[in-house]
């Protein structure tokens, strides 16, 4: 997907490479990223917010996170396009509502909104190998989150079942530098990673038996068995239903709740050539605000055809499920 990108970066997780007007603030952004890696997000945010900012103003939280974007061998072009679109939304600057303007218009987040490193998008083996190289080079902070983007079926993510993904992540973090231990959260941006049903029907394994628990819970248990001195992730976050990344906030979100209480309108989108065309045209809109409206309009039409009412886009705890690694 084509999207406005405030910075460019290599596909294998290279550091920020400023372009154009961004070069003027590159030093500040680089220093903040270095400080985040040394002190952690919470310490940096506390320091930034401790200084007086004027009535009603504060510094919004900075974000540092590693991102792993992977494709499965069986992924079709649609699945790959959705992964890349979600990645573009995750990587762009946050847009916020500001009290400085009477109409509270959306504005770009400051340049200090650090993002960490990106590995992929590409086939699972290559992206995971790049992650391993980045870990050995100190490219992942012990406390930062690792976002895993890929096509999810409820049984696999990018063709990897939970055991395979846990093994691959443990191998990537096996050479964590120094005496530090990775304790960050693994956040899945993959459809049905916190669901046991799809379109009201149980999600089943290849042999036809229903899954006993959501993918995210299975991954958390598998990661616990693979914990080591250098690799002890704290939790796994999954998304109930269709996973997405909000265009304006960069937050994980989901479409149409979980599919456990009602049908998924995206099924209608994919079955109607006209709606598919509208869906991907909406995804390619360069303006984030217009893109969000256009995508929701397509889903609302799919809702209407099924006689459904209510929001098409669910954020926060309604879409997210959390599984602790114990």
Protein backbone atom coordinates (compact mmCIF):
# COMPACT_ATOMS: atom_id res chain seq x y z
CA UNK A 1 0.00 0.00 0.00
CA UNK A 2 1.21 3.48 -0.79
CA UNK A 3 1.13 5.69 2.26
CA UNK A 4 2.71 8.84 3.53
CA UNK A 5 5.79 7.70 5.42
CA UNK A 6 7.51 10.28 7.63
CA UNK A 7 10.76 8.32 7.44
CA UNK A 8 12.19 5.55 5.33
CA UNK A 9 13.84 2.47 6.72
CA UNK A 10 15.42 -0.67 5.36
CA UNK A 11 13.26 -3.76 5.20
CA UNK A 12 15.64 -5.66 7.46
CA UNK A 13 15.36 -3.34 10.44
CA UNK A 14 17.95 -0.64 9.82
CA UNK A 15 17.81 2.52 11.90
CA UNK A 16 15.82 5.57 10.89
CA UNK A 17 16.99 7.24 7.69
CA UNK A 18 15.63 10.83 7.58
CA UNK A 19 14.52 12.31 4.30
CA UNK A 20 13.66 15.86 3.24
CA UNK A 21 12.45 18.08 6.05
CA UNK A 22 12.89 15.23 8.52
CA UNK A 23 16.68 15.69 8.38
CA UNK A 24 16.36 18.83 10.51
CA UNK A 25 15.06 16.87 13.51
CA UNK A 26 17.04 13.70 12.91
CA UNK A 27 19.44 14.44 15.77
CA UNK A 28 16.63 14.92 18.30
CA UNK A 29 14.82 11.79 17.16
CA UNK A 30 18.02 9.73 17.28
CA UNK A 31 18.83 11.00 20.78
CA UNK A 32 15.33 10.17 22.00
CA UNK A 33 15.53 6.67 20.54
CA UNK A 34 18.90 6.18 22.25
CA UNK A 35 17.45 7.44 25.54
CA UNK A 36 14.47 5.14 25.22
CA UNK A 37 16.74 2.16 24.69
CA UNK A 38 18.81 3.13 27.72
CA UNK A 39 16.00 4.07 30.13
CA UNK A 40 12.82 2.58 28.66
CA UNK A 41 9.58 4.14 27.46
CA UNK A 42 8.09 4.75 30.91
CA UNK A 43 11.15 6.60 32.20
CA UNK A 44 11.32 8.79 29.10
CA UNK A 45 7.60 9.59 29.18
CA UNK A 46 7.78 10.46 32.89
CA UNK A 47 10.72 12.80 32.28
CA UNK A 48 9.03 14.52 29.33
CA UNK A 49 5.80 15.05 31.25
CA UNK A 50 7.53 16.35 34.41
CA UNK A 51 8.32 19.73 32.83
CA UNK A 52 5.62 22.47 32.92
CA UNK A 53 3.75 22.61 29.64
CA UNK A 54 1.13 25.24 30.25
CA UNK A 55 -2.50 24.87 31.20
CA UNK A 56 -4.02 21.64 30.04
CA UNK A 57 -1.04 20.52 27.95
CA UNK A 58 1.25 17.53 28.29
CA UNK A 59 3.61 15.52 26.16
CA UNK A 60 1.94 12.50 24.59
CA UNK A 61 3.61 9.13 25.21
CA UNK A 62 6.48 8.18 22.93
CA UNK A 63 6.49 4.72 21.41
CA UNK A 64 9.35 2.33 20.90
CA UNK A 65 8.52 -1.08 19.47
CA UNK A 66 10.04 -3.69 17.21
CA UNK A 67 7.89 -4.92 14.34
CA UNK A 68 8.06 -8.31 12.61
CA UNK A 69 5.99 -8.52 9.40
CA UNK A 70 5.79 -12.01 7.90
CA UNK A 71 4.16 -13.74 4.94
CA UNK A 72 3.18 -17.38 4.81
CA UNK A 73 3.92 -19.51 1.76
CA UNK A 74 0.18 -20.00 1.20
CA UNK A 75 -0.72 -16.30 1.59
CA UNK A 76 -2.46 -14.87 -1.45
CA UNK A 77 -1.95 -11.35 -2.74
CA UNK A 78 -4.93 -10.09 -0.73
CA UNK A 79 -3.49 -11.34 2.55
CA UNK A 80 -0.07 -9.86 1.77
CA UNK A 81 -1.62 -6.52 0.83
CA UNK A 82 -3.52 -6.35 4.11
CA UNK A 83 -0.36 -7.10 6.11
CA UNK A 84 1.49 -4.29 4.32
CA UNK A 85 -1.38 -1.86 4.77
CA UNK A 86 -1.55 -2.58 8.49
CA UNK A 87 2.23 -2.10 8.66
CA UNK A 88 1.96 1.27 6.92
CA UNK A 89 -0.66 2.40 9.46
CA UNK A 90 1.49 1.18 12.34
CA UNK A 91 4.56 3.01 11.08
CA UNK A 92 3.10 6.39 10.22
CA UNK A 93 3.14 9.15 12.78
CA UNK A 94 0.28 9.17 15.18
CA UNK A 95 -2.33 11.83 14.59
CA UNK A 96 -3.85 13.46 17.64
CA UNK A 97 -6.60 15.80 18.67
CA UNK A 98 -5.07 19.03 19.89
CA UNK A 99 -6.60 21.56 22.26
CA UNK A 100 -4.54 24.32 20.64
CA UNK A 101 -7.16 24.70 17.90
CA UNK A 102 -10.75 25.52 18.65
CA UNK A 103 -12.04 22.90 16.22
CA UNK A 104 -9.69 20.22 17.64
CA UNK A 105 -8.32 19.25 14.26
CA UNK A 106 -6.05 16.26 13.78
CA UNK A 107 -2.34 17.07 13.70
CA UNK A 108 0.84 15.05 13.29
CA UNK A 109 2.53 13.71 16.37
CA UNK A 110 5.94 15.29 17.13
CA UNK A 111 9.11 13.98 15.49
CA UNK A 112 10.21 12.29 18.71
CA UNK A 113 7.62 9.53 18.25
CA UNK A 114 10.30 6.84 17.94
CA UNK A 115 9.34 3.49 16.46
CA UNK A 116 12.30 1.16 16.83
CA UNK A 117 13.17 -1.36 14.10
CA UNK A 118 11.17 -3.18 11.43
CA UNK A 119 11.93 -6.69 10.19
CA UNK A 120 10.13 -7.61 6.97
CA UNK A 121 7.69 -7.68 5.37
CA UNK A 122 8.65 -10.89 3.60
CA UNK A 123 8.54 -14.65 3.85
CA UNK A 124 8.59 -15.91 7.40
CA UNK A 125 12.08 -17.42 7.27
CA UNK A 126 13.75 -14.30 5.91
CA UNK A 127 11.93 -11.91 8.26
CA UNK A 128 12.71 -14.05 11.30
CA UNK A 129 16.36 -14.34 10.27
CA UNK A 130 16.50 -10.54 10.00
CA UNK A 131 14.96 -10.28 13.48
CA UNK A 132 17.65 -12.57 14.84
CA UNK A 133 20.37 -10.44 13.26
CA UNK A 134 18.78 -7.31 14.70
CA UNK A 135 18.61 -8.82 18.18
CA UNK A 136 22.29 -9.77 18.08
CA UNK A 137 23.15 -6.23 16.98
CA UNK A 138 21.25 -4.68 19.88
CA UNK A 139 18.33 -3.56 17.72
CA UNK A 140 15.63 -4.64 20.18
CA UNK A 141 15.30 -3.20 23.68
CA UNK A 142 14.72 -5.63 26.59
CA UNK A 143 11.39 -4.02 27.49
CA UNK A 144 9.95 -2.92 24.16
CA UNK A 145 7.01 -4.70 22.57
CA UNK A 146 7.41 -6.96 19.54
CA UNK A 147 4.52 -6.57 17.10
CA UNK A 148 3.97 -9.62 14.87
CA UNK A 149 1.99 -8.85 11.71
CA UNK A 150 0.75 -11.64 9.49
CA UNK A 151 -2.28 -13.35 8.01
CA UNK A 152 -4.07 -15.23 10.78
CA UNK A 153 -6.57 -18.05 10.50
CA UNK A 154 -7.05 -18.76 14.19
CA UNK A 155 -4.85 -21.83 13.76
CA UNK A 156 -1.77 -20.26 12.16
CA UNK A 157 -0.11 -16.89 11.65
CA UNK A 158 1.69 -16.67 8.29
CA UNK A 159 1.40 -20.50 8.10
CA UNK A 160 3.16 -20.89 11.47
CA UNK A 161 1.29 -22.66 14.24
CA UNK A 162 1.85 -21.42 17.77
CA UNK A 163 4.56 -23.98 18.53
CA UNK A 164 6.52 -23.09 15.38
CA UNK A 165 6.26 -19.35 15.99
CA UNK A 166 7.35 -19.76 19.61
CA UNK A 167 10.37 -21.80 18.52
CA UNK A 168 11.31 -19.23 15.88
CA UNK A 169 11.05 -16.32 18.32
CA UNK A 170 13.07 -18.15 20.97
CA UNK A 171 15.79 -18.82 18.41
CA UNK A 172 15.80 -15.17 17.29
CA UNK A 173 16.30 -13.98 20.87
CA UNK A 174 18.75 -16.72 21.88
CA UNK A 175 21.72 -14.40 21.34
CA UNK A 176 20.31 -11.38 23.18
CA UNK A 177 23.39 -9.23 23.83
CA UNK A 178 24.99 -8.81 27.22
CA UNK A 179 23.35 -10.02 30.40
CA UNK A 180 19.95 -8.51 29.57
CA UNK A 181 16.76 -10.54 29.23
CA UNK A 182 13.98 -9.77 26.77
CA UNK A 183 10.79 -9.28 28.82
CA UNK A 184 8.62 -7.34 26.39
CA UNK A 185 5.13 -8.21 25.18
CA UNK A 186 4.48 -10.09 21.95
CA UNK A 187 1.56 -8.34 20.23
CA UNK A 188 -0.16 -10.21 17.42
CA UNK A 189 -1.72 -8.16 14.64
CA UNK A 190 -3.25 -11.23 13.04
CA UNK A 191 -6.89 -12.09 12.43
CA UNK A 192 -8.59 -14.40 14.93
CA UNK A 193 -5.49 -14.55 17.14
CA UNK A 194 -7.80 -14.20 20.17
CA UNK A 195 -10.86 -15.97 18.76
CA UNK A 196 -12.25 -19.49 18.94
CA UNK A 197 -14.99 -18.83 16.41
CA UNK A 198 -15.18 -17.36 12.91
CA UNK A 199 -18.56 -16.33 11.51
CA UNK A 200 -20.26 -18.02 14.42
CA UNK A 201 -18.63 -21.39 13.74
CA UNK A 202 -15.80 -22.99 15.75
CA UNK A 203 -12.32 -22.52 14.32
CA UNK A 204 -11.00 -25.98 13.53
CA UNK A 205 -7.59 -27.55 13.05
CA UNK A 206 -6.67 -29.18 9.73
CA UNK A 207 -8.03 -32.51 11.04
CA UNK A 208 -11.42 -30.89 11.65
CA UNK A 209 -11.29 -30.76 15.46
CA UNK A 210 -12.09 -27.43 17.15
CA UNK A 211 -9.17 -25.54 18.64
CA UNK A 212 -9.11 -25.88 22.47
CA UNK A 213 -8.09 -22.27 23.09
CA UNK A 214 -7.24 -19.17 21.04
CA UNK A 215 -3.97 -18.93 19.13
CA UNK A 216 -2.67 -16.21 21.46
CA UNK A 217 -3.20 -18.39 24.53
CA UNK A 218 -1.51 -21.35 22.86
CA UNK A 219 1.42 -19.13 21.87
CA UNK A 220 1.76 -17.82 25.43
CA UNK A 221 1.99 -21.37 26.77
CA UNK A 222 4.50 -22.33 24.08
CA UNK A 223 6.64 -19.27 24.86
CA UNK A 224 6.62 -20.16 28.57
CA UNK A 225 8.09 -23.56 27.75
CA UNK A 226 10.82 -21.91 25.67
CA UNK A 227 11.80 -19.20 28.16
CA UNK A 228 15.52 -18.88 28.78
CA UNK A 229 17.99 -16.54 30.44
CA UNK A 230 17.81 -14.20 27.46
CA UNK A 231 14.16 -14.65 26.46
CA UNK A 232 11.26 -14.34 28.90
CA UNK A 233 8.43 -12.38 27.22
CA UNK A 234 5.79 -11.10 29.62
CA UNK A 235 2.61 -11.73 27.67
CA UNK A 236 0.92 -12.26 24.30
CA UNK A 237 -1.78 -9.87 23.04
CA UNK A 238 -4.23 -11.13 20.42
CA UNK A 239 -7.01 -9.50 18.42
CA UNK A 240 -10.56 -10.82 18.46
CA UNK A 241 -11.92 -11.07 14.94
CA UNK A 242 -10.42 -9.26 11.95
CA UNK A 243 -7.16 -7.58 13.02
CA UNK A 244 -6.27 -4.11 11.83
CA UNK A 245 -4.25 -1.03 12.79
CA UNK A 246 -6.13 2.23 13.09
CA UNK A 247 -5.13 4.77 10.47
CA UNK A 248 -5.13 7.79 12.78
CA UNK A 249 -3.94 6.50 16.15
CA UNK A 250 -1.73 3.60 15.07
CA UNK A 251 -3.49 1.44 17.68
CA UNK A 252 -4.43 -2.17 17.20
CA UNK A 253 -8.09 -2.54 16.42
CA UNK A 254 -10.54 -5.12 15.14
CA UNK A 255 -13.42 -5.17 12.69
CA UNK A 256 -16.86 -6.38 13.74
CA UNK A 257 -15.89 -7.57 17.20
CA UNK A 258 -15.06 -11.30 17.16
CA UNK A 259 -17.45 -13.07 14.83
CA UNK A 260 -18.47 -15.06 17.91
CA UNK A 261 -21.73 -13.17 18.40
CA UNK A 262 -22.44 -12.08 14.84
CA UNK A 263 -21.34 -12.73 11.29
CA UNK A 264 -18.28 -11.06 9.84
CA UNK A 265 -19.20 -8.54 7.11
CA UNK A 266 -15.76 -8.86 5.54
CA UNK A 267 -16.91 -12.23 4.23
CA UNK A 268 -19.48 -10.34 2.15
CA UNK A 269 -16.81 -7.90 1.02
CA UNK A 270 -14.59 -10.69 -0.29
CA UNK A 271 -17.47 -12.47 -2.00
CA UNK A 272 -18.63 -9.40 -3.95
CA UNK A 273 -16.18 -8.27 -6.69
CA UNK A 274 -17.56 -4.73 -6.55
CA UNK A 275 -17.04 -4.47 -2.78
CA UNK A 276 -13.56 -5.96 -3.07
CA UNK A 277 -12.67 -3.27 -5.58
CA UNK A 278 -14.07 -0.56 -3.30
CA UNK A 279 -12.25 -2.05 -0.27
CA UNK A 280 -8.82 -1.96 -1.88
CA UNK A 281 -9.43 1.43 -3.44
CA UNK A 282 -10.21 2.69 0.09
CA UNK A 283 -7.04 1.08 1.47
CA UNK A 284 -4.93 2.96 -1.07
CA UNK A 285 -6.29 6.42 -0.20
CA UNK A 286 -3.18 8.41 0.86
CA UNK A 287 -4.98 10.63 3.37
CA UNK A 288 -5.41 8.68 6.61
CA UNK A 289 -8.68 10.38 7.61
CA UNK A 290 -10.30 9.80 4.22
CA UNK A 291 -8.96 6.23 4.13
CA UNK A 292 -10.55 5.43 7.46
CA UNK A 293 -13.92 6.81 6.38
CA UNK A 294 -13.83 5.02 3.03
CA UNK A 295 -12.98 1.64 4.56
CA UNK A 296 -15.68 1.95 7.20
CA UNK A 297 -18.20 2.90 4.51
CA UNK A 298 -17.54 -0.37 2.66
CA UNK A 299 -17.99 -2.36 5.88
CA UNK A 300 -21.16 -0.46 6.73
CA UNK A 301 -22.58 -1.44 3.34
CA UNK A 302 -21.71 -5.09 4.07
CA UNK A 303 -23.40 -4.70 7.45
CA UNK A 304 -26.49 -3.22 5.80
CA UNK A 305 -26.79 -6.17 3.42
CA UNK A 306 -26.89 -8.54 6.39
CA UNK A 307 -29.33 -6.40 8.34
CA UNK A 308 -26.71 -5.68 10.98
CA UNK A 309 -26.33 -2.54 13.08
CA UNK A 310 -23.60 -1.21 15.33
CA UNK A 311 -19.97 -0.17 14.90
CA UNK A 312 -17.83 -1.87 12.29
CA UNK A 313 -14.58 -0.98 14.04
CA UNK A 314 -13.84 -1.98 17.63
CA UNK A 315 -10.80 -0.70 19.54
CA UNK A 316 -9.24 -1.18 22.93
CA UNK A 317 -10.26 -3.98 25.28
CA UNK A 318 -13.25 -4.95 23.15
CA UNK A 319 -10.92 -6.09 20.38
CA UNK A 320 -7.87 -7.12 22.41
CA UNK A 321 -7.27 -10.18 24.55
CA UNK A 322 -4.22 -10.60 26.79
CA UNK A 323 -2.51 -13.87 27.70
CA UNK A 324 0.27 -13.91 30.29
CA UNK A 325 3.35 -16.04 29.73
CA UNK A 326 3.59 -18.20 32.87
